[in-house]
Amino acid sequence: ALAHTGLKAQELDENLPHAGLKLGANYSTLKLGSNNPKNYTNGWRTGFVGGAFFNVPIAKRWAIQPEILYSQMGGYINRGSVLGNEYQRFSNLSIPVMFKYYLGSDIRLLFGGQADIVLQAKGRLGGSPDQENTDDFQRDHFALNAGAEYWPTWNWGIGGRYIHGINDITEAGVPSQRNQGAQIYVSYRFGKKPVPPPPPPPPPVPV
């Protein structure tokens, strides 16, 4: 019984108010819509992601985790052997707001939404130099996210999530494009693990 009580207390101690940093990579593409008259195909690119997160408990096993990130998304569009590939990169201020469920003392499940504000967009055709084309795209991108984290220690964790864009990000709209990607990252949590209180003294031996 004492071991069971101690396990429950340990799991509860994991879900405390805290902040931390995360650093990782995005593997993203521009998912094309049905209005694709030339039958272009999409390809994937890698990008950097990093920033801060905040854990706000709302129940024993539930928390809300807002994040503030610098995130590179994008991809490329294969327009055929004659026109070549069109490469695109977005530098975003990303604000995910995730619901977090503590499955155990070291595994968390996350799902929620994300708003991206485009700070700068650059594109290029084939091997030509990158050129800024921020005005060719919407400044506000929105996505749904879902993922999981594993925390082998109190301070360090690894995680991954899927990002599914929900709005057309092009100004012209032909072909329509939505963000899609996967994210992997390492997280660092500030602070030290609380020291559990000492067990209560045994009851006095009756005389």
C-alpha atoms as a PDB file:
ATOM      1  CA  ALA A   1       0.000   0.000   0.000  1.00  0.00           C
ATOM      2  CA  LEU A   2       2.833   2.403   0.849  1.00  0.00           C
ATOM      3  CA  ALA A   3       4.573   1.655  -2.475  1.00  0.00           C
ATOM      4  CA  HIS A   4       1.330   2.304  -4.374  1.00  0.00           C
ATOM      5  CA  THR A   5       0.785   5.600  -2.558  1.00  0.00           C
ATOM      6  CA  GLY A   6       4.356   6.668  -3.282  1.00  0.00           C
ATOM      7  CA  LEU A   7       3.934   5.918  -7.005  1.00  0.00           C
ATOM      8  CA  LYS A   8       0.782   8.031  -7.194  1.00  0.00           C
ATOM      9  CA  ALA A   9       2.528  10.906  -5.437  1.00  0.00           C
ATOM     10  CA  GLN A  10       5.469  10.672  -7.834  1.00  0.00           C
ATOM     11  CA  GLU A  11       3.198  10.804 -10.879  1.00  0.00           C
ATOM     12  CA  LEU A  12       1.373  13.810  -9.462  1.00  0.00           C
ATOM     13  CA  ASP A  13       4.667  15.606  -8.750  1.00  0.00           C
ATOM     14  CA  GLU A  14       5.538  15.487 -12.462  1.00  0.00           C
ATOM     15  CA  ASN A  15       2.648  17.818 -13.310  1.00  0.00           C
ATOM     16  CA  LEU A  16       3.777  21.035 -11.638  1.00  0.00           C
ATOM     17  CA  PRO A  17       3.927  24.605 -12.965  1.00  0.00           C
ATOM     18  CA  HIS A  18       7.208  24.929 -14.833  1.00  0.00           C
ATOM     19  CA  ALA A  19       8.927  26.423 -17.869  1.00  0.00           C
ATOM     20  CA  GLY A  20      11.578  25.159 -20.229  1.00  0.00           C
ATOM     21  CA  LEU A  21      13.278  25.346 -23.609  1.00  0.00           C
ATOM     22  CA  LYS A  22      12.995  23.146 -26.689  1.00  0.00           C
ATOM     23  CA  LEU A  23      15.222  22.724 -29.735  1.00  0.00           C
ATOM     24  CA  GLY A  24      14.694  20.545 -32.773  1.00  0.00           C
ATOM     25  CA  ALA A  25      13.866  20.222 -36.456  1.00  0.00           C
ATOM     26  CA  ASN A  26      10.829  20.357 -38.741  1.00  0.00           C
ATOM     27  CA  TYR A  27      10.371  18.095 -41.749  1.00  0.00           C
ATOM     28  CA  SER A  28       7.718  19.887 -43.764  1.00  0.00           C
ATOM     29  CA  THR A  29       6.010  20.154 -47.120  1.00  0.00           C
ATOM     30  CA  LEU A  30       3.368  22.223 -48.908  1.00  0.00           C
ATOM     31  CA  LYS A  31       0.339  19.969 -49.303  1.00  0.00           C
ATOM     32  CA  LEU A  32      -1.343  20.782 -52.619  1.00  0.00           C
ATOM     33  CA  GLY A  33      -5.078  21.146 -52.977  1.00  0.00           C
ATOM     34  CA  SER A  34      -7.438  19.689 -55.568  1.00  0.00           C
ATOM     35  CA  ASN A  35      -7.251  22.828 -57.765  1.00  0.00           C
ATOM     36  CA  ASN A  36      -3.938  21.677 -59.243  1.00  0.00           C
ATOM     37  CA  PRO A  37      -4.344  22.085 -63.019  1.00  0.00           C
ATOM     38  CA  LYS A  38      -0.807  20.993 -63.926  1.00  0.00           C
ATOM     39  CA  ASN A  39      -0.616  17.973 -61.619  1.00  0.00           C
ATOM     40  CA  TYR A  40       2.349  19.321 -59.705  1.00  0.00           C
ATOM     41  CA  THR A  41       3.752  17.169 -56.885  1.00  0.00           C
ATOM     42  CA  ASN A  42       5.074  18.302 -53.512  1.00  0.00           C
ATOM     43  CA  GLY A  43       8.377  17.540 -51.765  1.00  0.00           C
ATOM     44  CA  TRP A  44       9.804  17.927 -48.280  1.00  0.00           C
ATOM     45  CA  ARG A  45      12.417  20.191 -46.651  1.00  0.00           C
ATOM     46  CA  THR A  46      14.014  20.358 -43.215  1.00  0.00           C
ATOM     47  CA  GLY A  47      14.073  23.412 -40.968  1.00  0.00           C
ATOM     48  CA  PHE A  48      14.975  24.610 -37.477  1.00  0.00           C
ATOM     49  CA  VAL A  49      12.593  25.006 -34.527  1.00  0.00           C
ATOM     50  CA  GLY A  50      13.372  26.380 -31.071  1.00  0.00           C
ATOM     51  CA  GLY A  51      11.868  28.369 -28.235  1.00  0.00           C
ATOM     52  CA  ALA A  52      10.206  28.204 -24.843  1.00  0.00           C
ATOM     53  CA  PHE A  53       7.280  26.307 -23.323  1.00  0.00           C
ATOM     54  CA  PHE A  54       5.196  26.694 -20.156  1.00  0.00           C
ATOM     55  CA  ASN A  55       3.363  23.922 -18.283  1.00  0.00           C
ATOM     56  CA  VAL A  56       0.152  25.047 -16.536  1.00  0.00           C
ATOM     57  CA  PRO A  57      -1.604  22.227 -14.596  1.00  0.00           C
ATOM     58  CA  ILE A  58      -5.404  22.170 -14.795  1.00  0.00           C
ATOM     59  CA  ALA A  59      -6.066  18.742 -13.216  1.00  0.00           C
ATOM     60  CA  LYS A  60      -4.133  15.846 -11.711  1.00  0.00           C
ATOM     61  CA  ARG A  61      -3.035  14.461 -15.089  1.00  0.00           C
ATOM     62  CA  TRP A  62      -3.911  17.387 -17.369  1.00  0.00           C
ATOM     63  CA  ALA A  63      -2.053  20.576 -18.242  1.00  0.00           C
ATOM     64  CA  ILE A  64      -2.110  23.323 -20.859  1.00  0.00           C
ATOM     65  CA  GLN A  65       1.219  23.974 -22.563  1.00  0.00           C
ATOM     66  CA  PRO A  66       1.546  27.255 -24.493  1.00  0.00           C
ATOM     67  CA  GLU A  67       4.765  27.684 -26.460  1.00  0.00           C
ATOM     68  CA  ILE A  68       6.601  30.538 -28.184  1.00  0.00           C
ATOM     69  CA  LEU A  69       8.810  29.305 -31.031  1.00  0.00           C
ATOM     70  CA  TYR A  70      10.885  30.369 -33.995  1.00  0.00           C
ATOM     71  CA  SER A  71       9.968  27.766 -36.602  1.00  0.00           C
ATOM     72  CA  GLN A  72      11.070  27.187 -40.205  1.00  0.00           C
ATOM     73  CA  MET A  73       8.492  25.499 -42.437  1.00  0.00           C
ATOM     74  CA  GLY A  74       8.203  25.076 -46.190  1.00  0.00           C
ATOM     75  CA  GLY A  75       8.796  22.533 -48.904  1.00  0.00           C
ATOM     76  CA  TYR A  76       9.130  22.381 -52.645  1.00  0.00           C
ATOM     77  CA  ILE A  77       6.830  21.864 -55.631  1.00  0.00           C
ATOM     78  CA  ASN A  78       7.953  19.709 -58.534  1.00  0.00           C
ATOM     79  CA  ARG A  79       6.608  21.398 -61.675  1.00  0.00           C
ATOM     80  CA  GLY A  80       8.016  18.886 -64.162  1.00  0.00           C
ATOM     81  CA  SER A  81      11.274  18.456 -66.033  1.00  0.00           C
ATOM     82  CA  VAL A  82      10.838  21.677 -68.042  1.00  0.00           C
ATOM     83  CA  LEU A  83       9.851  24.147 -65.291  1.00  0.00           C
ATOM     84  CA  GLY A  84      11.873  22.496 -62.482  1.00  0.00           C
ATOM     85  CA  ASN A  85      11.341  22.666 -58.735  1.00  0.00           C
ATOM     86  CA  GLU A  86       9.988  25.676 -56.852  1.00  0.00           C
ATOM     87  CA  TYR A  87      11.478  25.821 -53.343  1.00  0.00           C
ATOM     88  CA  GLN A  88       9.839  27.721 -50.481  1.00  0.00           C
ATOM     89  CA  ARG A  89      10.870  28.598 -46.922  1.00  0.00           C
ATOM     90  CA  PHE A  90       8.858  30.323 -44.169  1.00  0.00           C
ATOM     91  CA  SER A  91      10.413  31.825 -41.052  1.00  0.00           C
ATOM     92  CA  ASN A  92       7.566  31.900 -38.516  1.00  0.00           C
ATOM     93  CA  LEU A  93       6.765  33.086 -35.047  1.00  0.00           C
ATOM     94  CA  SER A  94       4.802  30.021 -33.929  1.00  0.00           C
ATOM     95  CA  ILE A  95       2.435  29.896 -30.952  1.00  0.00           C
ATOM     96  CA  PRO A  96       1.201  26.358 -30.252  1.00  0.00           C
ATOM     97  CA  VAL A  97      -1.281  25.833 -27.413  1.00  0.00           C
ATOM     98  CA  MET A  98      -1.304  22.158 -26.471  1.00  0.00           C
ATOM     99  CA  PHE A  99      -3.405  20.088 -24.089  1.00  0.00           C
ATOM    100  CA  LYS A 100      -1.094  17.669 -22.281  1.00  0.00           C
ATOM    101  CA  TYR A 101      -2.106  14.395 -20.665  1.00  0.00           C
ATOM    102  CA  TYR A 102       0.309  12.665 -18.271  1.00  0.00           C
ATOM    103  CA  LEU A 103       0.011   9.020 -19.266  1.00  0.00           C
ATOM    104  CA  GLY A 104       2.590   8.123 -16.597  1.00  0.00           C
ATOM    105  CA  SER A 105       5.545   9.622 -14.793  1.00  0.00           C
ATOM    106  CA  ASP A 106       7.625   9.788 -18.009  1.00  0.00           C
ATOM    107  CA  ILE A 107       5.186   9.798 -20.982  1.00  0.00           C
ATOM    108  CA  ARG A 108       2.923  12.679 -22.020  1.00  0.00           C
ATOM    109  CA  LEU A 109       0.417  12.898 -24.885  1.00  0.00           C
ATOM    110  CA  LEU A 110      -0.225  16.283 -26.515  1.00  0.00           C
ATOM    111  CA  PHE A 111      -2.834  17.695 -28.900  1.00  0.00           C
ATOM    112  CA  GLY A 112      -3.949  21.193 -29.768  1.00  0.00           C
ATOM    113  CA  GLY A 113      -3.629  24.032 -32.259  1.00  0.00           C
ATOM    114  CA  GLN A 114      -0.967  26.348 -33.568  1.00  0.00           C
ATOM    115  CA  ALA A 115      -0.912  29.856 -35.016  1.00  0.00           C
ATOM    116  CA  ASP A 116       2.023  30.879 -37.228  1.00  0.00           C
ATOM    117  CA  ILE A 117       2.855  34.485 -38.052  1.00  0.00           C
ATOM    118  CA  VAL A 118       5.129  34.654 -41.097  1.00  0.00           C
ATOM    119  CA  LEU A 119       8.133  36.864 -40.349  1.00  0.00           C
ATOM    120  CA  GLN A 120       9.699  36.298 -43.752  1.00  0.00           C
ATOM    121  CA  ALA A 121       9.165  34.043 -46.773  1.00  0.00           C
ATOM    122  CA  LYS A 122      11.801  33.210 -49.385  1.00  0.00           C
ATOM    123  CA  GLY A 123      11.517  31.149 -52.542  1.00  0.00           C
ATOM    124  CA  ARG A 124      13.604  30.145 -55.534  1.00  0.00           C
ATOM    125  CA  LEU A 125      13.296  28.294 -58.827  1.00  0.00           C
ATOM    126  CA  GLY A 126      15.767  25.470 -59.389  1.00  0.00           C
ATOM    127  CA  GLY A 127      19.297  26.587 -58.590  1.00  0.00           C
ATOM    128  CA  SER A 128      18.597  30.349 -58.692  1.00  0.00           C
ATOM    129  CA  PRO A 129      19.252  32.508 -55.575  1.00  0.00           C
ATOM    130  CA  ASP A 130      16.576  32.844 -52.888  1.00  0.00           C
ATOM    131  CA  GLN A 131      14.292  35.856 -53.241  1.00  0.00           C
ATOM    132  CA  GLU A 132      11.887  37.266 -50.679  1.00  0.00           C
ATOM    133  CA  ASN A 133       8.261  36.566 -51.629  1.00  0.00           C
ATOM    134  CA  THR A 134       6.432  37.215 -48.355  1.00  0.00           C
ATOM    135  CA  ASP A 135       3.603  39.082 -50.117  1.00  0.00           C
ATOM    136  CA  ASP A 136       2.738  35.997 -52.186  1.00  0.00           C
ATOM    137  CA  PHE A 137       1.438  34.200 -49.086  1.00  0.00           C
ATOM    138  CA  GLN A 138      -0.937  34.732 -46.206  1.00  0.00           C
ATOM    139  CA  ARG A 139       0.778  36.143 -43.115  1.00  0.00           C
ATOM    140  CA  ASP A 140      -1.304  33.979 -40.744  1.00  0.00           C
ATOM    141  CA  HIS A 141      -1.092  30.183 -40.903  1.00  0.00           C
ATOM    142  CA  PHE A 142      -3.093  27.815 -38.655  1.00  0.00           C
ATOM    143  CA  ALA A 143      -2.601  24.122 -37.921  1.00  0.00           C
ATOM    144  CA  LEU A 144      -3.707  21.232 -35.717  1.00  0.00           C
ATOM    145  CA  ASN A 145      -0.999  19.357 -33.803  1.00  0.00           C
ATOM    146  CA  ALA A 146      -0.731  15.988 -32.059  1.00  0.00           C
ATOM    147  CA  GLY A 147       2.248  14.192 -30.550  1.00  0.00           C
ATOM    148  CA  ALA A 148       3.954  12.598 -27.575  1.00  0.00           C
ATOM    149  CA  GLU A 149       6.919  13.205 -25.256  1.00  0.00           C
ATOM    150  CA  TYR A 150       9.183  10.891 -23.287  1.00  0.00           C
ATOM    151  CA  TRP A 151      10.997  12.245 -20.209  1.00  0.00           C
ATOM    152  CA  PRO A 152      13.668   9.780 -19.014  1.00  0.00           C
ATOM    153  CA  THR A 153      14.844  12.305 -16.408  1.00  0.00           C
ATOM    154  CA  TRP A 154      13.242  15.204 -14.546  1.00  0.00           C
ATOM    155  CA  ASN A 155      14.986  17.884 -16.653  1.00  0.00           C
ATOM    156  CA  TRP A 156      15.389  16.289 -20.098  1.00  0.00           C
ATOM    157  CA  GLY A 157      12.822  14.985 -22.557  1.00  0.00           C
ATOM    158  CA  ILE A 158      12.407  14.137 -26.242  1.00  0.00           C
ATOM    159  CA  GLY A 159       9.280  14.555 -28.284  1.00  0.00           C
ATOM    160  CA  GLY A 160       7.641  14.477 -31.670  1.00  0.00           C
ATOM    161  CA  ARG A 161       4.458  15.820 -33.180  1.00  0.00           C
ATOM    162  CA  TYR A 162       2.514  15.946 -36.442  1.00  0.00           C
ATOM    163  CA  ILE A 163       1.496  19.358 -37.848  1.00  0.00           C
ATOM    164  CA  HIS A 164      -1.534  19.576 -40.150  1.00  0.00           C
ATOM    165  CA  GLY A 165      -2.290  22.960 -41.733  1.00  0.00           C
ATOM    166  CA  ILE A 166      -5.968  23.917 -41.947  1.00  0.00           C
ATOM    167  CA  ASN A 167      -5.956  27.066 -44.108  1.00  0.00           C
ATOM    168  CA  ASP A 168      -4.832  27.859 -47.642  1.00  0.00           C
ATOM    169  CA  ILE A 169      -1.639  29.909 -47.264  1.00  0.00           C
ATOM    170  CA  THR A 170      -1.367  31.230 -50.835  1.00  0.00           C
ATOM    171  CA  GLU A 171      -2.628  34.642 -51.946  1.00  0.00           C
ATOM    172  CA  ALA A 172      -3.432  33.535 -55.501  1.00  0.00           C
ATOM    173  CA  GLY A 173      -4.849  30.190 -54.396  1.00  0.00           C
ATOM    174  CA  VAL A 174      -3.790  28.210 -57.512  1.00  0.00           C
ATOM    175  CA  PRO A 175      -2.739  25.655 -56.609  1.00  0.00           C
ATOM    176  CA  SER A 176      -3.920  25.935 -53.012  1.00  0.00           C
ATOM    177  CA  GLN A 177      -1.267  24.991 -50.451  1.00  0.00           C
ATOM    178  CA  ARG A 178      -1.377  24.011 -46.773  1.00  0.00           C
ATOM    179  CA  ASN A 179       1.423  23.385 -44.329  1.00  0.00           C
ATOM    180  CA  GLN A 180       2.101  19.786 -43.350  1.00  0.00           C
ATOM    181  CA  GLY A 181       4.987  18.427 -41.339  1.00  0.00           C
ATOM    182  CA  ALA A 182       6.559  16.451 -38.544  1.00  0.00           C
ATOM    183  CA  GLN A 183       8.610  17.886 -35.695  1.00  0.00           C
ATOM    184  CA  ILE A 184      11.191  16.231 -33.445  1.00  0.00           C
ATOM    185  CA  TYR A 185      12.812  18.028 -30.528  1.00  0.00           C
ATOM    186  CA  VAL A 186      14.688  17.878 -27.256  1.00  0.00           C
ATOM    187  CA  SER A 187      13.225  19.683 -24.227  1.00  0.00           C
ATOM    188  CA  TYR A 188      14.885  21.009 -21.089  1.00  0.00           C
ATOM    189  CA  ARG A 189      12.812  21.704 -17.989  1.00  0.00           C
ATOM    190  CA  PHE A 190      14.040  24.304 -15.478  1.00  0.00           C
ATOM    191  CA  GLY A 191      14.174  23.461 -11.792  1.00  0.00           C
ATOM    192  CA  LYS A 192      14.923  20.470  -9.625  1.00  0.00           C
ATOM    193  CA  LYS A 193      12.723  17.545  -8.740  1.00  0.00           C
ATOM    194  CA  PRO A 194      10.935  18.168  -5.428  1.00  0.00           C
ATOM    195  CA  VAL A 195      12.191  16.129  -2.514  1.00  0.00           C
ATOM    196  CA  PRO A 196       9.335  13.930  -1.246  1.00  0.00           C
ATOM    197  CA  PRO A 197       8.346  14.576   2.373  1.00  0.00           C
ATOM    198  CA  PRO A 198       9.625  12.049   4.916  1.00  0.00           C
ATOM    199  CA  PRO A 199       7.179   9.288   5.823  1.00  0.00           C
ATOM    200  CA  PRO A 200       5.164   9.867   8.973  1.00  0.00           C
ATOM    201  CA  PRO A 201       6.594   8.303  12.131  1.00  0.00           C
ATOM    202  CA  PRO A 202       5.168   4.941  13.126  1.00  0.00           C
ATOM    203  CA  PRO A 203       2.396   4.981  15.691  1.00  0.00           C
ATOM    204  CA  PRO A 204       3.527   4.590  19.269  1.00  0.00           C
ATOM    205  CA  VAL A 205       3.688   1.066  20.572  1.00  0.00           C
ATOM    206  CA  PRO A 206       0.848   0.524  23.013  1.00  0.00           C
ATOM    207  CA  VAL A 207       2.059  -0.115  26.589  1.00  0.00           C
END
